[in-house]
Amino acid sequence: MDKEIRTLATEIELREEAEKNKKTISGYAVKWNEWSNPIAGMFQERFDKGAFSESLRSDSQKSLWCHDRSKVLASTSNGTLRIAEDEIGLRFEADLPDTSWGNDAYISIKRRDVDGVSFGFRSAPKTDIWDDKDPKMIKRTVKSAKIFEISPETFPAYPQTEVQARSIDTAYEEYRAETEKPVPETELRLAEQRKGFNKLKNKIYQIYQEVN
């Protein structure tokens, strides 16, 4: 299964220690048992308390600036990123690097230009609980998942972006695999989204050809 990306509108806290030239951001990437807003108008999801416990024990995680792998803000492997589950949700604390993107991140968050936190995860196979009583708004409860990254991100994360659309595809592929139930209305919407992306790509390519 591909990695899924979600963004939470949340307050990111900032702390600066002038003497140590150290800038830190912190907040919640996930809050337990809170239903998300409808994702692309198709489904809602929530995370059970402790959903990431096993992953936090056995995996390493990164914090990236807006999902850019070339701009690493912090890592659990060297202690600059600290992630823990508490009664509220999945809390993180990241010591930002003294780099151009680290300083840019701090300033953008301080100005509230960036006010969301994205997290990349992969649900453990056959552990999700799906409620399809309402086929127009299916509900998903994530019981266990791997956590890969926690990253400051511009909010909202529009479902129309290609990354988010792939995440939706991934979730529904698992739904179909577990329930063996077709979702014709959902499939139609996803097909329309993909058609729109293809048109946009073709338009960009056409402009590129004209310019060059």
Protein backbone atom coordinates (compact mmCIF):
# COMPACT_ATOMS: atom_id res chain seq x y z
CA MET A 1 0.00 0.00 0.00
CA ASP A 2 1.24 3.51 -0.82
CA LYS A 3 1.87 6.08 1.88
CA GLU A 4 -1.12 8.28 2.68
CA ILE A 5 -0.86 11.98 3.48
CA ARG A 6 -3.24 13.92 5.71
CA THR A 7 -3.15 17.48 7.07
CA LEU A 8 -4.56 18.69 10.38
CA ALA A 9 -5.44 22.31 11.06
CA THR A 10 -3.70 22.78 14.37
CA GLU A 11 -1.81 25.34 16.38
CA ILE A 12 1.94 24.97 15.99
CA GLU A 13 3.82 26.18 19.04
CA LEU A 14 7.17 27.94 18.73
CA ARG A 15 10.06 28.26 21.17
CA GLU A 16 13.32 30.10 20.65
CA GLU A 17 16.40 29.90 22.88
CA ALA A 18 18.65 32.78 21.86
CA GLU A 19 21.62 31.65 23.94
CA LYS A 20 21.71 28.24 22.26
CA ASN A 21 20.59 29.60 18.86
CA LYS A 22 17.87 26.98 18.95
CA LYS A 23 14.40 27.16 17.39
CA THR A 24 11.78 24.51 18.19
CA ILE A 25 8.28 23.85 16.88
CA SER A 26 5.74 21.52 18.49
CA GLY A 27 2.11 20.50 18.32
CA TYR A 28 -0.22 17.63 17.45
CA ALA A 29 -0.17 15.80 14.14
CA VAL A 30 -3.12 13.58 15.09
CA LYS A 31 -5.88 13.87 17.69
CA TRP A 32 -7.48 10.62 18.77
CA ASN A 33 -10.99 9.64 17.77
CA GLU A 34 -11.85 12.93 16.09
CA TRP A 35 -13.60 12.53 12.76
CA SER A 36 -11.89 14.34 9.93
CA ASN A 37 -13.71 16.69 7.63
CA PRO A 38 -15.05 14.84 4.57
CA ILE A 39 -12.08 13.92 2.40
CA ALA A 40 -12.91 14.84 -1.20
CA GLY A 41 -16.55 14.53 -0.16
CA MET A 42 -16.12 10.75 -0.08
CA PHE A 43 -15.19 9.52 3.39
CA GLN A 44 -14.26 10.50 6.92
CA GLU A 45 -11.64 8.90 9.09
CA ARG A 46 -10.36 8.89 12.64
CA PHE A 47 -7.42 7.32 14.49
CA ASP A 48 -7.72 5.13 17.55
CA LYS A 49 -5.65 6.04 20.58
CA GLY A 50 -2.33 4.19 20.35
CA ALA A 51 -2.57 3.64 16.59
CA PHE A 52 1.13 4.45 16.13
CA SER A 53 2.56 2.78 19.26
CA GLU A 54 4.32 -0.07 17.47
CA SER A 55 5.71 2.18 14.75
CA LEU A 56 7.14 4.63 17.29
CA ARG A 57 8.95 1.75 18.98
CA SER A 58 10.39 0.20 15.83
CA ASP A 59 10.64 2.84 13.08
CA SER A 60 12.41 6.15 12.56
CA GLN A 61 10.56 9.28 11.44
CA LYS A 62 11.46 12.57 9.77
CA SER A 63 10.10 16.07 9.72
CA LEU A 64 10.28 17.65 6.26
CA TRP A 65 9.56 21.14 5.08
CA CYS A 66 6.32 20.76 3.11
CA HIS A 67 7.14 17.12 2.22
CA ASP A 68 10.37 18.11 0.42
CA ARG A 69 12.82 15.25 1.06
CA SER A 70 15.76 17.53 0.32
CA LYS A 71 14.74 19.83 3.20
CA VAL A 72 14.87 17.73 6.36
CA LEU A 73 13.90 19.70 9.47
CA ALA A 74 14.45 17.00 12.09
CA SER A 75 14.81 13.27 12.64
CA THR A 76 14.02 10.84 15.45
CA SER A 77 17.25 8.97 14.69
CA ASN A 78 19.39 11.83 16.05
CA GLY A 79 16.94 13.12 18.65
CA THR A 80 16.08 16.39 16.91
CA LEU A 81 12.52 15.09 16.36
CA ARG A 82 10.59 13.72 19.32
CA ILE A 83 7.20 12.05 18.87
CA ALA A 84 5.01 10.62 21.60
CA GLU A 85 1.42 9.50 22.11
CA ASP A 86 -0.49 11.08 24.98
CA GLU A 87 -4.13 11.29 26.04
CA ILE A 88 -4.92 13.85 23.32
CA GLY A 89 -3.10 12.47 20.31
CA LEU A 90 0.24 12.16 18.56
CA ARG A 91 2.43 15.02 19.76
CA PHE A 92 5.71 16.09 18.17
CA GLU A 93 8.57 18.45 18.96
CA ALA A 94 11.19 19.35 16.35
CA ASP A 95 14.44 21.28 16.75
CA LEU A 96 14.87 23.19 13.49
CA PRO A 97 18.26 23.23 11.74
CA ASP A 98 20.23 26.44 11.32
CA THR A 99 19.72 26.34 7.56
CA SER A 100 17.88 28.54 5.07
CA TRP A 101 14.83 26.24 5.02
CA GLY A 102 14.92 25.79 8.80
CA ASN A 103 14.80 29.55 9.32
CA ASP A 104 12.22 29.96 6.54
CA ALA A 105 10.03 27.36 8.25
CA TYR A 106 10.24 29.14 11.60
CA ILE A 107 9.39 32.55 10.10
CA SER A 108 6.51 31.18 7.99
CA ILE A 109 4.99 29.43 11.01
CA LYS A 110 5.47 32.47 13.22
CA ARG A 111 3.67 34.65 10.64
CA ARG A 112 0.91 32.01 10.38
CA ASP A 113 1.55 31.62 6.65
CA VAL A 114 1.83 27.92 7.44
CA ASP A 115 -0.67 26.70 10.02
CA GLY A 116 -1.14 23.01 9.39
CA VAL A 117 0.71 19.80 10.14
CA SER A 118 0.84 16.95 7.63
CA PHE A 119 1.64 13.38 8.51
CA GLY A 120 2.50 10.47 6.27
CA PHE A 121 1.30 7.04 7.36
CA ARG A 122 0.53 3.56 6.14
CA SER A 123 -2.29 1.60 7.70
CA ALA A 124 -1.45 -1.92 8.86
CA PRO A 125 -3.06 -4.50 6.54
CA LYS A 126 -6.56 -5.64 7.47
CA THR A 127 -6.76 -3.58 10.67
CA ASP A 128 -8.97 -0.68 9.56
CA ILE A 129 -12.63 -0.66 10.51
CA TRP A 130 -14.92 0.47 7.68
CA ASP A 131 -18.49 1.62 8.21
CA ASP A 132 -20.36 1.82 4.91
CA LYS A 133 -23.91 2.18 6.22
CA ASP A 134 -23.96 5.48 4.32
CA PRO A 135 -22.27 4.73 0.95
CA LYS A 136 -22.08 8.46 0.20
CA MET A 137 -19.95 9.10 3.30
CA ILE A 138 -18.07 5.97 4.33
CA LYS A 139 -16.28 6.10 7.69
CA ARG A 140 -12.88 4.61 8.40
CA THR A 141 -11.27 3.99 11.78
CA VAL A 142 -7.50 3.44 11.66
CA LYS A 143 -6.53 1.02 14.43
CA SER A 144 -2.83 0.53 13.67
CA ALA A 145 -0.44 2.31 11.29
CA LYS A 146 3.18 3.14 10.55
CA ILE A 147 4.10 6.81 10.83
CA PHE A 148 6.76 8.05 8.41
CA GLU A 149 6.85 11.81 8.67
CA ILE A 150 5.39 14.81 10.44
CA SER A 151 5.79 18.03 8.50
CA PRO A 152 4.59 21.64 8.67
CA GLU A 153 2.31 22.22 5.69
CA THR A 154 0.14 24.93 4.20
CA PHE A 155 -3.48 24.44 5.24
CA PRO A 156 -5.90 23.36 3.97
CA ALA A 157 -4.61 20.34 2.10
CA TYR A 158 -6.98 20.45 -0.84
CA PRO A 159 -8.18 16.98 -1.92
CA GLN A 160 -7.79 18.14 -5.52
CA THR A 161 -3.99 18.05 -5.28
CA GLU A 162 -2.40 15.02 -6.88
CA VAL A 163 -0.70 13.83 -3.68
CA GLN A 164 -3.99 13.89 -1.79
CA ALA A 165 -5.82 12.16 -4.63
CA ARG A 166 -3.32 9.30 -4.56
CA SER A 167 -3.92 9.02 -0.81
CA ILE A 168 -7.65 8.72 -1.41
CA ASP A 169 -7.08 6.07 -4.06
CA THR A 170 -4.92 4.13 -1.60
CA ALA A 171 -7.57 4.21 1.12
CA TYR A 172 -10.31 3.02 -1.20
CA GLU A 173 -8.16 0.26 -2.64
CA GLU A 174 -7.91 -1.13 0.88
CA TYR A 175 -11.64 -0.65 1.42
CA ARG A 176 -12.42 -2.66 -1.70
CA ALA A 177 -9.90 -5.35 -0.75
CA GLU A 178 -11.35 -5.75 2.74
CA THR A 179 -15.05 -5.51 1.94
CA GLU A 180 -15.05 -6.71 -1.68
CA LYS A 181 -17.76 -4.14 -2.30
CA PRO A 182 -17.76 -1.87 -5.36
CA VAL A 183 -18.19 1.86 -4.79
CA PRO A 184 -19.47 3.07 -8.16
CA GLU A 185 -20.20 6.65 -7.12
CA THR A 186 -16.79 7.00 -5.51
CA GLU A 187 -15.07 5.42 -8.48
CA LEU A 188 -16.76 7.91 -10.76
CA ARG A 189 -15.58 10.86 -8.69
CA LEU A 190 -12.02 9.55 -8.60
CA ALA A 191 -12.04 9.01 -12.35
CA GLU A 192 -13.19 12.59 -12.84
CA GLN A 193 -10.37 13.83 -10.61
CA ARG A 194 -7.76 11.85 -12.51
CA LYS A 195 -9.15 13.13 -15.81
CA GLY A 196 -8.76 16.69 -14.50
CA PHE A 197 -5.15 16.05 -13.49
CA ASN A 198 -4.36 14.67 -16.94
CA LYS A 199 -5.86 17.73 -18.62
CA LEU A 200 -3.78 20.00 -16.37
CA LYS A 201 -0.58 18.05 -17.09
CA ASN A 202 -1.24 18.23 -20.83
CA LYS A 203 -1.85 21.97 -20.60
CA ILE A 204 1.40 22.54 -18.69
CA TYR A 205 3.29 20.43 -21.22
CA GLN A 206 1.74 22.41 -24.08
CA ILE A 207 2.80 25.72 -22.50
CA TYR A 208 6.30 24.34 -21.93
CA GLN A 209 6.56 23.33 -25.59
CA GLU A 210 5.42 26.77 -26.73
CA VAL A 211 7.93 28.56 -24.48
CA ASN A 212 10.80 26.37 -25.58
